[in-house]
Amino acid sequence: MVTAETIRAAFDRMGGRNTRPRRLIAAWLARLAGEARDFATDELWHYLQEEDPRIGRATVFRAVDDLVAEGVLDRVEFGDGTHRYRVCGAATERRHHHHLTCVQCRRIVEVDACLPPETLAAIASSADFALERHSLELFGRCADCRARGTVDGDKFQA
């Protein structure tokens, strides 16, 4: 479980001071992690402004970028070019995982499934690449959206 303390420890590893904005960011991210909620950076900034109206937008955006680089946050891409962030436990476990994303409601689910190492090696070899890391993006519709039976107001076939 990711806590505010584990996020503050990540900030400490990155250097810099233990500031009030960093403590607020850590507390909010721990709360979002506990609820398994994803967020956009602007949403996080608005949440934080409710507690401290002086917190700067650039401060929040920079902290999110730093926490992605540190492996605390995952940036989850959607098929339409947008993205959201999620605390996935990487701060303490650094376990490899991927995400399923609902193209309709944007629900994000962590999955431990991955391509077999032999498949990854064959893909890399066929393109003369030496893989360093990978990301598997899976898009579809969650059960709730399929049950509603609509896509942008139109009926669809499952």
N, C-alpha and C. Protein backbone atom coordinates (compact mmCIF):
# COMPACT_ATOMS: atom_id res chain seq x y z
N MET A 1 0.84 -1.19 0.00
CA MET A 1 0.00 0.00 0.00
C MET A 1 0.88 1.25 0.00
N VAL A 2 0.59 2.15 -0.89
CA VAL A 2 1.34 3.40 -0.97
C VAL A 2 0.75 4.38 0.04
N THR A 3 1.62 4.97 0.85
CA THR A 3 1.20 5.92 1.87
C THR A 3 1.83 7.28 1.57
N ALA A 4 1.36 8.28 2.29
CA ALA A 4 1.96 9.61 2.16
C ALA A 4 3.44 9.55 2.51
N GLU A 5 3.80 8.70 3.47
CA GLU A 5 5.20 8.56 3.86
C GLU A 5 6.04 8.00 2.72
N THR A 6 5.55 6.99 1.99
CA THR A 6 6.32 6.44 0.88
C THR A 6 6.49 7.46 -0.25
N ILE A 7 5.48 8.30 -0.44
CA ILE A 7 5.57 9.34 -1.47
C ILE A 7 6.55 10.43 -1.02
N ARG A 8 6.49 10.80 0.26
CA ARG A 8 7.46 11.78 0.78
C ARG A 8 8.88 11.24 0.68
N ALA A 9 9.04 9.93 0.90
CA ALA A 9 10.36 9.31 0.77
C ALA A 9 10.86 9.41 -0.68
N ALA A 10 9.96 9.27 -1.63
CA ALA A 10 10.34 9.43 -3.04
C ALA A 10 10.79 10.86 -3.30
N PHE A 11 10.07 11.83 -2.75
CA PHE A 11 10.50 13.23 -2.88
C PHE A 11 11.89 13.41 -2.27
N ASP A 12 12.13 12.79 -1.12
CA ASP A 12 13.44 12.90 -0.46
C ASP A 12 14.55 12.34 -1.36
N ARG A 13 14.27 11.20 -2.02
CA ARG A 13 15.27 10.60 -2.91
C ARG A 13 15.60 11.53 -4.09
N MET A 14 14.62 12.35 -4.49
CA MET A 14 14.83 13.26 -5.62
C MET A 14 15.59 14.51 -5.20
N GLY A 15 15.69 14.73 -3.91
CA GLY A 15 16.37 15.92 -3.41
C GLY A 15 15.38 17.06 -3.21
N GLY A 16 15.86 18.16 -2.78
CA GLY A 16 14.99 19.30 -2.51
C GLY A 16 14.51 19.31 -1.08
N ARG A 17 13.74 20.32 -0.77
CA ARG A 17 13.28 20.51 0.62
C ARG A 17 11.96 19.81 0.87
N ASN A 18 11.69 19.57 2.13
CA ASN A 18 10.42 19.00 2.58
C ASN A 18 9.44 20.16 2.77
N THR A 19 8.80 20.57 1.69
CA THR A 19 7.94 21.76 1.71
C THR A 19 6.48 21.38 1.96
N ARG A 20 5.71 22.38 2.35
CA ARG A 20 4.27 22.16 2.54
C ARG A 20 3.60 21.67 1.26
N PRO A 21 3.88 22.25 0.08
CA PRO A 21 3.26 21.71 -1.13
C PRO A 21 3.56 20.23 -1.37
N ARG A 22 4.80 19.83 -1.13
CA ARG A 22 5.14 18.41 -1.31
C ARG A 22 4.39 17.53 -0.32
N ARG A 23 4.25 18.00 0.92
CA ARG A 23 3.51 17.22 1.92
C ARG A 23 2.03 17.11 1.52
N LEU A 24 1.46 18.21 1.02
CA LEU A 24 0.05 18.17 0.58
C LEU A 24 -0.11 17.24 -0.62
N ILE A 25 0.80 17.32 -1.57
CA ILE A 25 0.75 16.44 -2.74
C ILE A 25 0.82 14.98 -2.30
N ALA A 26 1.75 14.67 -1.41
CA ALA A 26 1.90 13.30 -0.92
C ALA A 26 0.62 12.81 -0.24
N ALA A 27 0.02 13.66 0.59
CA ALA A 27 -1.22 13.27 1.28
C ALA A 27 -2.35 13.01 0.29
N TRP A 28 -2.50 13.89 -0.69
CA TRP A 28 -3.57 13.70 -1.68
C TRP A 28 -3.34 12.46 -2.53
N LEU A 29 -2.09 12.24 -2.95
CA LEU A 29 -1.81 11.06 -3.77
C LEU A 29 -2.04 9.78 -2.98
N ALA A 30 -1.70 9.77 -1.70
CA ALA A 30 -1.96 8.59 -0.87
C ALA A 30 -3.46 8.34 -0.77
N ARG A 31 -4.24 9.41 -0.64
CA ARG A 31 -5.69 9.29 -0.59
C ARG A 31 -6.23 8.70 -1.90
N LEU A 32 -5.76 9.22 -3.02
CA LEU A 32 -6.20 8.72 -4.33
C LEU A 32 -5.78 7.26 -4.52
N ALA A 33 -4.58 6.91 -4.05
CA ALA A 33 -4.11 5.53 -4.15
C ALA A 33 -5.00 4.60 -3.34
N GLY A 34 -5.37 5.03 -2.14
CA GLY A 34 -6.24 4.22 -1.29
C GLY A 34 -7.60 3.97 -1.89
N GLU A 35 -8.05 4.91 -2.72
CA GLU A 35 -9.35 4.78 -3.40
C GLU A 35 -9.21 4.20 -4.80
N ALA A 36 -7.97 3.87 -5.21
CA ALA A 36 -7.67 3.36 -6.55
C ALA A 36 -8.21 4.29 -7.63
N ARG A 37 -8.05 5.60 -7.40
CA ARG A 37 -8.55 6.60 -8.35
C ARG A 37 -7.40 7.18 -9.16
N ASP A 38 -7.67 7.41 -10.42
CA ASP A 38 -6.71 8.08 -11.27
C ASP A 38 -7.07 9.56 -11.31
N PHE A 39 -6.20 10.37 -11.92
CA PHE A 39 -6.43 11.81 -11.91
C PHE A 39 -5.71 12.47 -13.07
N ALA A 40 -6.18 13.64 -13.44
CA ALA A 40 -5.45 14.53 -14.34
C ALA A 40 -4.71 15.52 -13.47
N THR A 41 -3.61 16.05 -13.95
CA THR A 41 -2.81 16.96 -13.14
C THR A 41 -3.60 18.20 -12.74
N ASP A 42 -4.40 18.73 -13.64
CA ASP A 42 -5.23 19.89 -13.29
C ASP A 42 -6.21 19.57 -12.17
N GLU A 43 -6.77 18.36 -12.18
CA GLU A 43 -7.68 17.95 -11.09
C GLU A 43 -6.94 17.94 -9.75
N LEU A 44 -5.74 17.37 -9.76
CA LEU A 44 -4.95 17.34 -8.52
C LEU A 44 -4.68 18.75 -8.04
N TRP A 45 -4.32 19.64 -8.94
CA TRP A 45 -4.05 21.03 -8.58
C TRP A 45 -5.27 21.66 -7.94
N HIS A 46 -6.46 21.43 -8.51
CA HIS A 46 -7.69 22.00 -7.94
C HIS A 46 -7.99 21.42 -6.55
N TYR A 47 -7.77 20.11 -6.36
CA TYR A 47 -7.95 19.51 -5.04
C TYR A 47 -7.04 20.21 -4.03
N LEU A 48 -5.78 20.38 -4.43
CA LEU A 48 -4.79 20.96 -3.53
C LEU A 48 -5.08 22.42 -3.21
N GLN A 49 -5.62 23.15 -4.18
CA GLN A 49 -5.95 24.56 -3.95
C GLN A 49 -7.05 24.72 -2.91
N GLU A 50 -7.89 23.71 -2.75
CA GLU A 50 -8.91 23.78 -1.70
C GLU A 50 -8.26 23.82 -0.32
N GLU A 51 -7.11 23.16 -0.18
CA GLU A 51 -6.39 23.15 1.10
C GLU A 51 -5.42 24.31 1.22
N ASP A 52 -4.81 24.69 0.10
CA ASP A 52 -3.83 25.78 0.11
C ASP A 52 -3.94 26.54 -1.21
N PRO A 53 -4.71 27.63 -1.22
CA PRO A 53 -4.93 28.39 -2.46
C PRO A 53 -3.64 28.95 -3.08
N ARG A 54 -2.56 28.98 -2.31
CA ARG A 54 -1.31 29.53 -2.82
C ARG A 54 -0.47 28.51 -3.60
N ILE A 55 -0.86 27.25 -3.57
CA ILE A 55 -0.04 26.24 -4.25
C ILE A 55 -0.06 26.50 -5.76
N GLY A 56 1.11 26.50 -6.35
CA GLY A 56 1.24 26.85 -7.76
C GLY A 56 0.98 25.67 -8.69
N ARG A 57 0.39 26.00 -9.80
CA ARG A 57 0.11 24.99 -10.83
C ARG A 57 1.42 24.35 -11.30
N ALA A 58 2.43 25.15 -11.55
CA ALA A 58 3.73 24.63 -12.00
C ALA A 58 4.33 23.69 -10.97
N THR A 59 4.16 24.00 -9.69
CA THR A 59 4.68 23.13 -8.63
C THR A 59 4.05 21.75 -8.71
N VAL A 60 2.74 21.71 -8.91
CA VAL A 60 2.02 20.43 -8.98
C VAL A 60 2.44 19.67 -10.24
N PHE A 61 2.49 20.34 -11.37
CA PHE A 61 2.86 19.67 -12.62
C PHE A 61 4.29 19.13 -12.55
N ARG A 62 5.19 19.90 -11.98
CA ARG A 62 6.58 19.47 -11.84
C ARG A 62 6.68 18.25 -10.91
N ALA A 63 5.93 18.30 -9.81
CA ALA A 63 5.95 17.18 -8.86
C ALA A 63 5.42 15.90 -9.52
N VAL A 64 4.35 16.02 -10.30
CA VAL A 64 3.79 14.84 -10.98
C VAL A 64 4.83 14.28 -11.95
N ASP A 65 5.45 15.14 -12.75
CA ASP A 65 6.49 14.67 -13.68
C ASP A 65 7.62 13.97 -12.94
N ASP A 66 8.05 14.55 -11.82
CA ASP A 66 9.13 13.96 -11.03
C ASP A 66 8.72 12.59 -10.47
N LEU A 67 7.47 12.48 -10.01
CA LEU A 67 7.01 11.21 -9.44
C LEU A 67 6.82 10.14 -10.51
N VAL A 68 6.51 10.54 -11.72
CA VAL A 68 6.47 9.58 -12.83
C VAL A 68 7.89 9.06 -13.08
N ALA A 69 8.85 9.97 -13.15
CA ALA A 69 10.24 9.58 -13.39
C ALA A 69 10.76 8.69 -12.26
N GLU A 70 10.30 8.91 -11.05
CA GLU A 70 10.74 8.13 -9.89
C GLU A 70 10.02 6.78 -9.81
N GLY A 71 8.98 6.58 -10.61
CA GLY A 71 8.26 5.31 -10.62
C GLY A 71 7.12 5.24 -9.62
N VAL A 72 6.76 6.36 -9.01
CA VAL A 72 5.67 6.39 -8.03
C VAL A 72 4.32 6.46 -8.75
N LEU A 73 4.28 7.22 -9.83
CA LEU A 73 3.05 7.39 -10.61
C LEU A 73 3.21 6.73 -11.98
N ASP A 74 2.13 6.20 -12.48
CA ASP A 74 2.08 5.73 -13.86
C ASP A 74 1.27 6.73 -14.67
N ARG A 75 1.75 7.02 -15.86
CA ARG A 75 1.01 7.85 -16.81
C ARG A 75 0.26 6.87 -17.70
N VAL A 76 -1.08 6.92 -17.66
CA VAL A 76 -1.91 6.00 -18.42
C VAL A 76 -2.45 6.73 -19.64
N GLU A 77 -2.05 6.26 -20.80
CA GLU A 77 -2.47 6.87 -22.06
C GLU A 77 -3.82 6.31 -22.49
N PHE A 78 -4.61 7.17 -23.13
CA PHE A 78 -5.85 6.73 -23.75
C PHE A 78 -5.65 6.76 -25.25
N GLY A 79 -6.45 6.04 -25.96
CA GLY A 79 -6.31 5.93 -27.40
C GLY A 79 -6.54 7.23 -28.15
N ASP A 80 -7.06 8.25 -27.48
CA ASP A 80 -7.38 9.51 -28.16
C ASP A 80 -6.32 10.60 -27.92
N GLY A 81 -5.19 10.24 -27.35
CA GLY A 81 -4.12 11.20 -27.12
C GLY A 81 -4.15 11.84 -25.74
N THR A 82 -5.17 11.60 -24.96
CA THR A 82 -5.22 12.14 -23.60
C THR A 82 -4.59 11.13 -22.63
N HIS A 83 -4.36 11.56 -21.42
CA HIS A 83 -3.78 10.68 -20.41
C HIS A 83 -4.23 11.09 -19.01
N ARG A 84 -4.05 10.17 -18.08
CA ARG A 84 -4.29 10.42 -16.67
C ARG A 84 -3.16 9.76 -15.90
N TYR A 85 -3.11 10.03 -14.61
CA TYR A 85 -2.07 9.47 -13.76
C TYR A 85 -2.70 8.58 -12.70
N ARG A 86 -1.89 7.67 -12.19
CA ARG A 86 -2.37 6.72 -11.20
C ARG A 86 -1.20 6.28 -10.32
N VAL A 87 -1.46 6.21 -9.02
CA VAL A 87 -0.48 5.64 -8.09
C VAL A 87 -0.74 4.13 -8.12
N CYS A 88 0.26 3.38 -8.54
CA CYS A 88 0.05 1.94 -8.74
C CYS A 88 0.82 1.04 -7.80
N GLY A 89 1.35 1.57 -6.77
CA GLY A 89 2.09 0.72 -5.84
C GLY A 89 3.56 0.61 -6.19
N ALA A 90 3.95 1.22 -7.28
CA ALA A 90 5.35 1.11 -7.71
C ALA A 90 6.32 1.72 -6.71
N ALA A 91 5.83 2.62 -5.89
CA ALA A 91 6.73 3.28 -4.94
C ALA A 91 7.31 2.30 -3.94
N THR A 92 6.58 1.24 -3.65
CA THR A 92 7.09 0.29 -2.68
C THR A 92 7.42 -1.06 -3.30
N GLU A 93 6.69 -1.47 -4.32
CA GLU A 93 6.85 -2.81 -4.86
C GLU A 93 7.62 -2.84 -6.17
N ARG A 94 7.52 -1.79 -6.96
CA ARG A 94 8.11 -1.73 -8.29
C ARG A 94 7.78 -2.98 -9.09
N ARG A 95 6.54 -3.43 -8.98
CA ARG A 95 6.14 -4.62 -9.73
C ARG A 95 5.70 -4.23 -11.13
N HIS A 96 5.98 -5.10 -12.06
CA HIS A 96 5.64 -4.86 -13.46
C HIS A 96 4.16 -5.14 -13.67
N HIS A 97 3.47 -4.21 -14.30
CA HIS A 97 2.06 -4.40 -14.60
C HIS A 97 1.67 -3.52 -15.78
N HIS A 98 0.46 -3.73 -16.26
CA HIS A 98 -0.09 -2.93 -17.36
C HIS A 98 -1.50 -2.49 -16.96
N HIS A 99 -2.15 -1.76 -17.85
CA HIS A 99 -3.48 -1.24 -17.55
C HIS A 99 -4.47 -1.59 -18.65
N LEU A 100 -5.69 -1.87 -18.23
CA LEU A 100 -6.85 -1.95 -19.13
C LEU A 100 -7.57 -0.63 -18.96
N THR A 101 -7.92 0.02 -20.05
CA THR A 101 -8.63 1.29 -19.95
C THR A 101 -9.92 1.22 -20.74
N CYS A 102 -10.99 1.70 -20.12
CA CYS A 102 -12.29 1.75 -20.78
C CYS A 102 -12.33 3.00 -21.65
N VAL A 103 -12.60 2.79 -22.93
CA VAL A 103 -12.61 3.92 -23.87
C VAL A 103 -13.85 4.79 -23.69
N GLN A 104 -14.82 4.29 -22.94
CA GLN A 104 -16.05 5.07 -22.75
C GLN A 104 -16.04 5.86 -21.45
N CYS A 105 -15.89 5.19 -20.32
CA CYS A 105 -15.95 5.89 -19.03
C CYS A 105 -14.56 6.22 -18.48
N ARG A 106 -13.52 5.69 -19.13
CA ARG A 106 -12.13 5.94 -18.77
C ARG A 106 -11.69 5.25 -17.47
N ARG A 107 -12.42 4.21 -17.08
CA ARG A 107 -12.01 3.41 -15.93
C ARG A 107 -10.68 2.75 -16.24
N ILE A 108 -9.80 2.68 -15.26
CA ILE A 108 -8.48 2.08 -15.42
C ILE A 108 -8.36 0.93 -14.43
N VAL A 109 -7.92 -0.23 -14.93
CA VAL A 109 -7.74 -1.41 -14.09
C VAL A 109 -6.32 -1.92 -14.28
N GLU A 110 -5.63 -2.17 -13.19
CA GLU A 110 -4.29 -2.76 -13.26
C GLU A 110 -4.41 -4.24 -13.55
N VAL A 111 -3.53 -4.74 -14.42
CA VAL A 111 -3.49 -6.17 -14.71
C VAL A 111 -2.04 -6.64 -14.63
N ASP A 112 -1.86 -7.85 -14.13
CA ASP A 112 -0.52 -8.41 -14.01
C ASP A 112 -0.12 -9.20 -15.26
N ALA A 113 -0.99 -9.25 -16.25
CA ALA A 113 -0.70 -9.99 -17.48
C ALA A 113 0.32 -9.24 -18.33
N CYS A 114 1.11 -10.00 -19.09
CA CYS A 114 2.10 -9.40 -19.97
C CYS A 114 2.39 -10.40 -21.09
N LEU A 115 3.03 -9.92 -22.12
CA LEU A 115 3.47 -10.82 -23.19
C LEU A 115 4.59 -11.69 -22.65
N PRO A 116 4.67 -12.92 -23.13
CA PRO A 116 5.78 -13.79 -22.68
C PRO A 116 7.13 -13.21 -23.10
N PRO A 117 8.15 -13.40 -22.28
CA PRO A 117 9.49 -12.87 -22.60
C PRO A 117 9.98 -13.29 -23.99
N GLU A 118 9.64 -14.52 -24.40
CA GLU A 118 10.07 -14.99 -25.72
C GLU A 118 9.44 -14.15 -26.83
N THR A 119 8.19 -13.75 -26.65
CA THR A 119 7.50 -12.91 -27.64
C THR A 119 8.15 -11.54 -27.70
N LEU A 120 8.43 -10.96 -26.55
CA LEU A 120 9.10 -9.66 -26.52
C LEU A 120 10.47 -9.74 -27.18
N ALA A 121 11.21 -10.80 -26.89
CA ALA A 121 12.54 -10.97 -27.48
C ALA A 121 12.45 -11.12 -29.00
N ALA A 122 11.45 -11.87 -29.48
CA ALA A 122 11.28 -12.06 -30.92
C ALA A 122 10.92 -10.74 -31.61
N ILE A 123 10.06 -9.96 -30.98
CA ILE A 123 9.70 -8.65 -31.55
C ILE A 123 10.94 -7.76 -31.63
N ALA A 124 11.69 -7.70 -30.56
CA ALA A 124 12.90 -6.87 -30.53
C ALA A 124 13.90 -7.35 -31.58
N SER A 125 14.10 -8.63 -31.65
CA SER A 125 15.07 -9.19 -32.59
C SER A 125 14.67 -8.91 -34.04
N SER A 126 13.38 -9.03 -34.35
CA SER A 126 12.92 -8.82 -35.73
C SER A 126 13.13 -7.38 -36.20
N ALA A 127 13.21 -6.44 -35.26
CA ALA A 127 13.42 -5.03 -35.60
C ALA A 127 14.84 -4.58 -35.25
N ASP A 128 15.69 -5.53 -34.85
CA ASP A 128 17.07 -5.24 -34.45
C ASP A 128 17.13 -4.21 -33.33
N PHE A 129 16.32 -4.45 -32.29
CA PHE A 129 16.27 -3.59 -31.11
C PHE A 129 16.77 -4.36 -29.90
N ALA A 130 17.31 -3.64 -28.94
CA ALA A 130 17.60 -4.19 -27.62
C ALA A 130 16.60 -3.53 -26.68
N LEU A 131 15.59 -4.26 -26.26
CA LEU A 131 14.54 -3.70 -25.41
C LEU A 131 15.09 -3.29 -24.05
N GLU A 132 14.65 -2.14 -23.59
CA GLU A 132 15.00 -1.67 -22.26
C GLU A 132 13.79 -1.68 -21.34
N ARG A 133 12.63 -1.43 -21.91
CA ARG A 133 11.37 -1.46 -21.15
C ARG A 133 10.24 -1.51 -22.16
N HIS A 134 9.03 -1.73 -21.67
CA HIS A 134 7.89 -1.74 -22.57
C HIS A 134 6.63 -1.36 -21.81
N SER A 135 5.62 -1.03 -22.59
CA SER A 135 4.31 -0.70 -22.04
C SER A 135 3.27 -1.32 -22.95
N LEU A 136 2.38 -2.06 -22.39
CA LEU A 136 1.33 -2.71 -23.14
C LEU A 136 0.04 -1.96 -22.84
N GLU A 137 -0.58 -1.38 -23.87
CA GLU A 137 -1.80 -0.61 -23.69
C GLU A 137 -2.98 -1.42 -24.19
N LEU A 138 -3.95 -1.63 -23.32
CA LEU A 138 -5.14 -2.42 -23.65
C LEU A 138 -6.37 -1.53 -23.51
N PHE A 139 -7.16 -1.44 -24.57
CA PHE A 139 -8.33 -0.58 -24.58
C PHE A 139 -9.57 -1.40 -24.87
N GLY A 140 -10.67 -1.03 -24.25
CA GLY A 140 -11.94 -1.72 -24.49
C GLY A 140 -13.04 -1.03 -23.71
N ARG A 141 -14.11 -1.77 -23.46
CA ARG A 141 -15.23 -1.25 -22.68
C ARG A 141 -15.44 -2.12 -21.46
N CYS A 142 -15.59 -1.47 -20.31
CA CYS A 142 -15.81 -2.21 -19.07
C CYS A 142 -17.23 -2.80 -19.05
N ALA A 143 -17.48 -3.66 -18.09
CA ALA A 143 -18.77 -4.33 -17.99
C ALA A 143 -19.92 -3.33 -17.84
N ASP A 144 -19.72 -2.29 -17.03
CA ASP A 144 -20.79 -1.30 -16.83
C ASP A 144 -21.14 -0.59 -18.12
N CYS A 145 -20.15 -0.20 -18.90
CA CYS A 145 -20.42 0.50 -20.17
C CYS A 145 -21.06 -0.44 -21.18
N ARG A 146 -20.63 -1.70 -21.20
CA ARG A 146 -21.25 -2.67 -22.11
C ARG A 146 -22.70 -2.89 -21.72
N ALA A 147 -22.98 -2.92 -20.42
CA ALA A 147 -24.36 -3.14 -19.96
C ALA A 147 -25.26 -1.97 -20.35
N ARG A 148 -24.71 -0.76 -20.35
CA ARG A 148 -25.50 0.40 -20.77
C ARG A 148 -25.76 0.37 -22.26
N GLY A 149 -24.87 -0.29 -23.01
CA GLY A 149 -25.08 -0.51 -24.43
C GLY A 149 -24.99 0.70 -25.33
N THR A 150 -24.28 1.75 -24.92
CA THR A 150 -24.17 2.92 -25.78
C THR A 150 -22.72 3.33 -25.94
N VAL A 151 -22.46 3.92 -27.08
CA VAL A 151 -21.16 4.53 -27.35
C VAL A 151 -21.48 5.91 -27.91
N ASP A 152 -21.12 6.94 -27.16
CA ASP A 152 -21.40 8.31 -27.60
C ASP A 152 -22.85 8.47 -28.04
N GLY A 153 -23.76 7.84 -27.29
CA GLY A 153 -25.18 7.99 -27.57
C GLY A 153 -25.74 7.01 -28.58
N ASP A 154 -24.90 6.24 -29.26
CA ASP A 154 -25.36 5.27 -30.25
C ASP A 154 -25.30 3.88 -29.67
N LYS A 155 -26.19 3.00 -30.12
CA LYS A 155 -26.16 1.59 -29.69
C LYS A 155 -24.98 0.91 -30.35
N PHE A 156 -24.39 -0.05 -29.65
CA PHE A 156 -23.31 -0.82 -30.27
C PHE A 156 -23.57 -2.29 -30.00
N GLN A 157 -22.92 -3.12 -30.78
CA GLN A 157 -23.00 -4.57 -30.62
C GLN A 157 -21.79 -5.01 -29.81
N ALA A 158 -22.00 -5.82 -28.80
CA ALA A 158 -20.88 -6.32 -27.98
C ALA A 158 -20.15 -7.43 -28.69
